[in-house]
Amino acid sequence: MALSNLGTLLGTRGAGSVQLALSTRLALWKSRRALAKLDDRALNDVGISRAEADREAQLTVWDVPAAWKRC
C-alpha cells in the first residue's frame, strides 16, 4: 500500500501525520490490552465495569474515541 493510500485510510495527510496516526493507534491498542488485564478491583477503582472493559478491549485500533474524530 502506498503511503498516500495509507494516509487516506488513516484520515491524515503527509508522512509525519501517518507516523503520528500509527503511533497513536499503537498506544490505543496497548491501553486496551492493559485495560483487559486489570482485575475487577482495579477496574472498580477507575469506575469501569468488567463488561465495559471487555467491550473496549474488543474494539479495533481503527475504532477510535469520538473526540479524536473532531480534531
C-alpha atoms as a PDB file:
ATOM      1  CA  MET A   1       0.000   0.000   0.000  1.00  0.00           C
ATOM      2  CA  ALA A   2       1.356   3.381  -0.967  1.00  0.00           C
ATOM      3  CA  LEU A   3       1.974   5.903   1.811  1.00  0.00           C
ATOM      4  CA  SER A   4      -0.608   8.264   0.313  1.00  0.00           C
ATOM      5  CA  ASN A   5      -3.222   5.499   0.369  1.00  0.00           C
ATOM      6  CA  LEU A   6      -2.352   4.700   3.984  1.00  0.00           C
ATOM      7  CA  GLY A   7      -2.741   8.379   4.839  1.00  0.00           C
ATOM      8  CA  THR A   8      -6.187   8.374   3.256  1.00  0.00           C
ATOM      9  CA  LEU A   9      -7.142   5.264   5.235  1.00  0.00           C
ATOM     10  CA  LEU A  10      -5.965   6.865   8.480  1.00  0.00           C
ATOM     11  CA  GLY A  11      -7.577  10.193   7.653  1.00  0.00           C
ATOM     12  CA  THR A  12      -4.244  12.033   7.612  1.00  0.00           C
ATOM     13  CA  ARG A  13      -2.042  13.892   5.166  1.00  0.00           C
ATOM     14  CA  GLY A  14       1.707  13.670   4.857  1.00  0.00           C
ATOM     15  CA  ALA A  15       4.264  11.173   6.137  1.00  0.00           C
ATOM     16  CA  GLY A  16       4.530  12.829   9.563  1.00  0.00           C
ATOM     17  CA  SER A  17       0.788  12.612  10.025  1.00  0.00           C
ATOM     18  CA  VAL A  18       0.775   8.940   9.046  1.00  0.00           C
ATOM     19  CA  GLN A  19       3.528   8.198  11.558  1.00  0.00           C
ATOM     20  CA  LEU A  20       1.644  10.079  14.277  1.00  0.00           C
ATOM     21  CA  ALA A  21      -1.613   8.269  13.463  1.00  0.00           C
ATOM     22  CA  LEU A  22       0.096   4.881  13.585  1.00  0.00           C
ATOM     23  CA  SER A  23       1.891   5.589  16.850  1.00  0.00           C
ATOM     24  CA  THR A  24      -1.330   6.913  18.391  1.00  0.00           C
ATOM     25  CA  ARG A  25      -3.214   3.801  17.364  1.00  0.00           C
ATOM     26  CA  LEU A  26      -0.441   1.592  18.726  1.00  0.00           C
ATOM     27  CA  ALA A  27      -0.739   3.392  22.069  1.00  0.00           C
ATOM     28  CA  LEU A  28      -4.518   2.899  21.959  1.00  0.00           C
ATOM     29  CA  TRP A  29      -4.060  -0.825  21.287  1.00  0.00           C
ATOM     30  CA  LYS A  30      -1.635  -1.143  24.218  1.00  0.00           C
ATOM     31  CA  SER A  31      -4.018   0.728  26.509  1.00  0.00           C
ATOM     32  CA  ARG A  32      -6.911  -1.520  25.559  1.00  0.00           C
ATOM     33  CA  ARG A  33      -4.810  -4.649  26.179  1.00  0.00           C
ATOM     34  CA  ALA A  34      -3.762  -3.309  29.588  1.00  0.00           C
ATOM     35  CA  LEU A  35      -7.378  -2.497  30.446  1.00  0.00           C
ATOM     36  CA  ALA A  36      -8.388  -6.071  29.612  1.00  0.00           C
ATOM     37  CA  LYS A  37      -5.777  -7.402  32.048  1.00  0.00           C
ATOM     38  CA  LEU A  38      -6.967  -5.376  35.055  1.00  0.00           C
ATOM     39  CA  ASP A  39      -8.710  -7.303  37.820  1.00  0.00           C
ATOM     40  CA  ASP A  40     -12.196  -6.349  38.977  1.00  0.00           C
ATOM     41  CA  ARG A  41     -10.878  -4.432  41.995  1.00  0.00           C
ATOM     42  CA  ALA A  42      -8.645  -2.258  39.812  1.00  0.00           C
ATOM     43  CA  LEU A  43     -11.491  -1.671  37.356  1.00  0.00           C
ATOM     44  CA  ASN A  44     -13.716  -0.634  40.253  1.00  0.00           C
ATOM     45  CA  ASP A  45     -11.024   1.840  41.354  1.00  0.00           C
ATOM     46  CA  VAL A  46     -11.229   3.608  37.991  1.00  0.00           C
ATOM     47  CA  GLY A  47     -15.012   3.319  37.762  1.00  0.00           C
ATOM     48  CA  ILE A  48     -15.254   0.818  34.915  1.00  0.00           C
ATOM     49  CA  SER A  49     -17.215  -2.437  34.954  1.00  0.00           C
ATOM     50  CA  ARG A  50     -15.802  -5.713  33.639  1.00  0.00           C
ATOM     51  CA  ALA A  51     -18.342  -5.596  30.785  1.00  0.00           C
ATOM     52  CA  GLU A  52     -17.225  -2.065  29.804  1.00  0.00           C
ATOM     53  CA  ALA A  53     -13.564  -3.089  29.937  1.00  0.00           C
ATOM     54  CA  ASP A  54     -14.194  -6.186  27.829  1.00  0.00           C
ATOM     55  CA  ARG A  55     -16.209  -4.194  25.289  1.00  0.00           C
ATOM     56  CA  GLU A  56     -13.457  -1.566  24.991  1.00  0.00           C
ATOM     57  CA  ALA A  57     -10.725  -4.200  24.715  1.00  0.00           C
ATOM     58  CA  GLN A  58     -12.516  -5.841  21.771  1.00  0.00           C
ATOM     59  CA  LEU A  59     -12.529  -2.655  19.678  1.00  0.00           C
ATOM     60  CA  THR A  60     -10.101  -2.398  16.785  1.00  0.00           C
ATOM     61  CA  VAL A  61      -7.397   0.254  16.561  1.00  0.00           C
ATOM     62  CA  TRP A  62      -9.418   1.906  13.806  1.00  0.00           C
ATOM     63  CA  ASP A  63     -12.355   2.369  16.178  1.00  0.00           C
ATOM     64  CA  VAL A  64     -11.120   5.493  17.953  1.00  0.00           C
ATOM     65  CA  PRO A  65     -12.934   7.591  20.568  1.00  0.00           C
ATOM     66  CA  ALA A  66     -15.421  10.063  19.066  1.00  0.00           C
ATOM     67  CA  ALA A  67     -13.479  13.047  20.417  1.00  0.00           C
ATOM     68  CA  TRP A  68     -10.483  12.051  18.263  1.00  0.00           C
ATOM     69  CA  LYS A  69     -12.559  12.349  15.108  1.00  0.00           C
ATOM     70  CA  ARG A  70     -13.298  16.033  15.788  1.00  0.00           C
ATOM     71  CA  CYS A  71      -9.625  17.010  15.650  1.00  0.00           C
END
